[in-house]
């Protein structure tokens, strides 16, 4: 999953974004912990993606 795909899915599910430090975006949703998504090219590394999935409440590996 690319950062763009993760960001689009978070936005579809009602998460709001704000800039993070450096090349990261921070997503928030009431009642959930924050999700930090790197804004790099290529696919998100497996460990980072696993953490994003856990924080967003998604199954791992996520469907594209």
N, C-alpha and C. Protein backbone atom coordinates (compact mmCIF):
# COMPACT_ATOMS: atom_id res chain seq x y z
N UNK A 1 0.85 -1.17 0.00
CA UNK A 1 0.00 0.00 0.00
C UNK A 1 0.90 1.23 0.00
N UNK A 2 0.56 2.19 -0.84
CA UNK A 2 1.34 3.42 -0.91
C UNK A 2 0.77 4.44 0.09
N UNK A 3 1.55 5.45 0.43
CA UNK A 3 1.03 6.49 1.33
C UNK A 3 -0.24 7.15 0.79
N UNK A 4 -0.30 7.35 -0.51
CA UNK A 4 -1.49 7.97 -1.10
C UNK A 4 -2.73 7.09 -0.91
N UNK A 5 -2.58 5.78 -1.10
CA UNK A 5 -3.70 4.86 -0.91
C UNK A 5 -4.16 4.86 0.54
N UNK A 6 -3.22 4.87 1.48
CA UNK A 6 -3.57 4.90 2.90
C UNK A 6 -4.28 6.20 3.25
N UNK A 7 -3.78 7.32 2.74
CA UNK A 7 -4.39 8.62 3.03
C UNK A 7 -5.80 8.69 2.46
N UNK A 8 -5.99 8.20 1.25
CA UNK A 8 -7.32 8.24 0.64
C UNK A 8 -8.31 7.38 1.43
N UNK A 9 -7.87 6.22 1.89
CA UNK A 9 -8.76 5.36 2.66
C UNK A 9 -9.12 6.01 4.00
N UNK A 10 -8.14 6.62 4.66
CA UNK A 10 -8.41 7.30 5.92
C UNK A 10 -9.42 8.43 5.71
N UNK A 11 -9.25 9.21 4.64
CA UNK A 11 -10.17 10.32 4.37
C UNK A 11 -11.58 9.80 4.09
N UNK A 12 -11.68 8.71 3.33
CA UNK A 12 -13.00 8.12 3.05
C UNK A 12 -13.70 7.67 4.32
N UNK A 13 -12.92 7.25 5.32
CA UNK A 13 -13.47 6.75 6.57
C UNK A 13 -13.67 7.85 7.62
N UNK A 14 -13.51 9.10 7.22
CA UNK A 14 -13.82 10.21 8.11
C UNK A 14 -12.67 10.77 8.93
N UNK A 15 -11.45 10.39 8.66
CA UNK A 15 -10.30 10.91 9.38
C UNK A 15 -9.96 12.29 8.81
N UNK A 16 -9.51 13.21 9.67
CA UNK A 16 -9.07 14.53 9.23
C UNK A 16 -7.56 14.59 9.34
N UNK A 17 -6.95 15.36 8.45
CA UNK A 17 -5.49 15.40 8.43
C UNK A 17 -4.96 16.78 8.79
N UNK A 18 -3.72 16.76 9.21
CA UNK A 18 -2.97 17.99 9.44
C UNK A 18 -1.52 17.66 9.14
N UNK A 19 -0.72 18.66 8.81
CA UNK A 19 0.70 18.39 8.53
C UNK A 19 1.41 17.87 9.77
N UNK A 20 2.34 16.98 9.55
CA UNK A 20 3.19 16.49 10.63
C UNK A 20 4.58 17.06 10.44
N UNK A 21 5.53 16.52 11.17
CA UNK A 21 6.91 16.98 11.02
C UNK A 21 7.54 16.30 9.82
N UNK A 22 8.28 17.06 9.05
CA UNK A 22 8.97 16.49 7.90
C UNK A 22 8.00 15.97 6.87
N UNK A 23 8.22 14.76 6.43
CA UNK A 23 7.40 14.19 5.36
C UNK A 23 6.38 13.20 5.91
N UNK A 24 5.63 13.62 6.91
CA UNK A 24 4.59 12.79 7.51
C UNK A 24 3.29 13.59 7.63
N UNK A 25 2.17 12.88 7.57
CA UNK A 25 0.85 13.49 7.78
C UNK A 25 0.23 12.82 9.00
N UNK A 26 -0.50 13.59 9.79
CA UNK A 26 -1.14 13.08 10.99
C UNK A 26 -2.65 13.10 10.76
N UNK A 27 -3.29 11.97 11.01
CA UNK A 27 -4.74 11.84 10.84
C UNK A 27 -5.37 11.61 12.19
N UNK A 28 -6.53 12.27 12.41
CA UNK A 28 -7.25 12.17 13.67
C UNK A 28 -8.71 11.84 13.41
N UNK A 29 -9.29 11.14 14.37
CA UNK A 29 -10.71 10.83 14.34
C UNK A 29 -11.16 10.74 15.79
N UNK A 30 -12.27 11.38 16.13
CA UNK A 30 -12.74 11.33 17.52
C UNK A 30 -12.91 9.88 18.01
N UNK A 31 -12.43 9.62 19.20
CA UNK A 31 -12.55 8.29 19.79
C UNK A 31 -11.48 7.31 19.35
N UNK A 32 -10.55 7.73 18.51
CA UNK A 32 -9.47 6.85 18.04
C UNK A 32 -8.13 7.52 18.32
N UNK A 33 -7.07 6.73 18.36
CA UNK A 33 -5.75 7.33 18.50
C UNK A 33 -5.34 7.92 17.16
N UNK A 34 -4.30 8.75 17.14
CA UNK A 34 -3.87 9.36 15.89
C UNK A 34 -3.16 8.33 15.02
N UNK A 35 -3.13 8.60 13.73
CA UNK A 35 -2.44 7.75 12.77
C UNK A 35 -1.45 8.63 12.02
N UNK A 36 -0.19 8.25 12.01
CA UNK A 36 0.85 8.98 11.31
C UNK A 36 1.21 8.20 10.05
N UNK A 37 1.09 8.87 8.89
CA UNK A 37 1.37 8.23 7.61
C UNK A 37 2.56 8.93 6.97
N UNK A 38 3.61 8.17 6.61
CA UNK A 38 4.74 8.79 5.93
C UNK A 38 4.32 9.24 4.54
N UNK A 39 4.93 10.30 4.07
CA UNK A 39 4.60 10.84 2.76
C UNK A 39 5.81 10.68 1.84
N UNK A 40 6.23 9.42 1.66
CA UNK A 40 7.38 9.08 0.84
C UNK A 40 6.89 8.38 -0.42
N UNK A 41 7.76 8.25 -1.39
CA UNK A 41 7.40 7.50 -2.59
C UNK A 41 7.49 6.00 -2.33
N UNK A 42 6.81 5.22 -3.14
CA UNK A 42 6.87 3.76 -3.01
C UNK A 42 5.91 3.24 -1.95
N UNK A 43 6.01 1.94 -1.69
CA UNK A 43 5.13 1.31 -0.71
C UNK A 43 5.58 1.61 0.72
N UNK A 44 4.61 1.58 1.62
CA UNK A 44 4.90 1.74 3.05
C UNK A 44 5.52 0.42 3.54
N UNK A 45 6.56 0.51 4.35
CA UNK A 45 7.21 -0.70 4.85
C UNK A 45 6.23 -1.52 5.69
N UNK A 46 6.40 -2.85 5.70
CA UNK A 46 5.43 -3.73 6.38
C UNK A 46 5.19 -3.41 7.85
N UNK A 47 6.22 -3.13 8.61
CA UNK A 47 6.04 -2.84 10.03
C UNK A 47 5.28 -1.53 10.25
N UNK A 48 5.59 -0.53 9.45
CA UNK A 48 4.88 0.75 9.53
C UNK A 48 3.42 0.57 9.13
N UNK A 49 3.19 -0.19 8.08
CA UNK A 49 1.82 -0.45 7.62
C UNK A 49 1.02 -1.22 8.67
N UNK A 50 1.66 -2.16 9.35
CA UNK A 50 0.99 -2.92 10.41
C UNK A 50 0.54 -1.98 11.53
N UNK A 51 1.39 -1.01 11.90
CA UNK A 51 1.03 -0.04 12.94
C UNK A 51 -0.09 0.89 12.49
N UNK A 52 -0.06 1.31 11.23
CA UNK A 52 -1.13 2.15 10.69
C UNK A 52 -2.45 1.38 10.72
N UNK A 53 -2.42 0.12 10.31
CA UNK A 53 -3.63 -0.71 10.30
C UNK A 53 -4.20 -0.87 11.71
N UNK A 54 -3.33 -1.11 12.67
CA UNK A 54 -3.79 -1.29 14.05
C UNK A 54 -4.43 -0.01 14.59
N UNK A 55 -3.82 1.13 14.32
CA UNK A 55 -4.34 2.40 14.83
C UNK A 55 -5.64 2.79 14.13
N UNK A 56 -5.78 2.43 12.86
CA UNK A 56 -6.98 2.79 12.10
C UNK A 56 -8.10 1.77 12.25
N UNK A 57 -7.80 0.61 12.85
CA UNK A 57 -8.81 -0.42 13.01
C UNK A 57 -9.00 -1.27 11.77
N UNK A 58 -7.98 -1.39 10.94
CA UNK A 58 -8.04 -2.18 9.72
C UNK A 58 -7.43 -3.55 9.97
N UNK A 59 -7.80 -4.52 9.14
CA UNK A 59 -7.14 -5.83 9.17
C UNK A 59 -5.79 -5.70 8.48
N UNK A 60 -4.85 -6.53 8.89
CA UNK A 60 -3.54 -6.55 8.25
C UNK A 60 -3.36 -7.90 7.56
N UNK A 61 -2.95 -7.95 6.32
CA UNK A 61 -2.67 -6.83 5.41
C UNK A 61 -3.96 -6.23 4.86
N UNK A 62 -3.97 -4.92 4.62
CA UNK A 62 -5.19 -4.27 4.15
C UNK A 62 -5.46 -4.59 2.68
N UNK A 63 -6.72 -4.51 2.31
CA UNK A 63 -7.08 -4.69 0.91
C UNK A 63 -6.80 -3.38 0.20
N UNK A 64 -6.35 -3.47 -1.03
CA UNK A 64 -6.07 -2.24 -1.79
C UNK A 64 -7.30 -1.72 -2.45
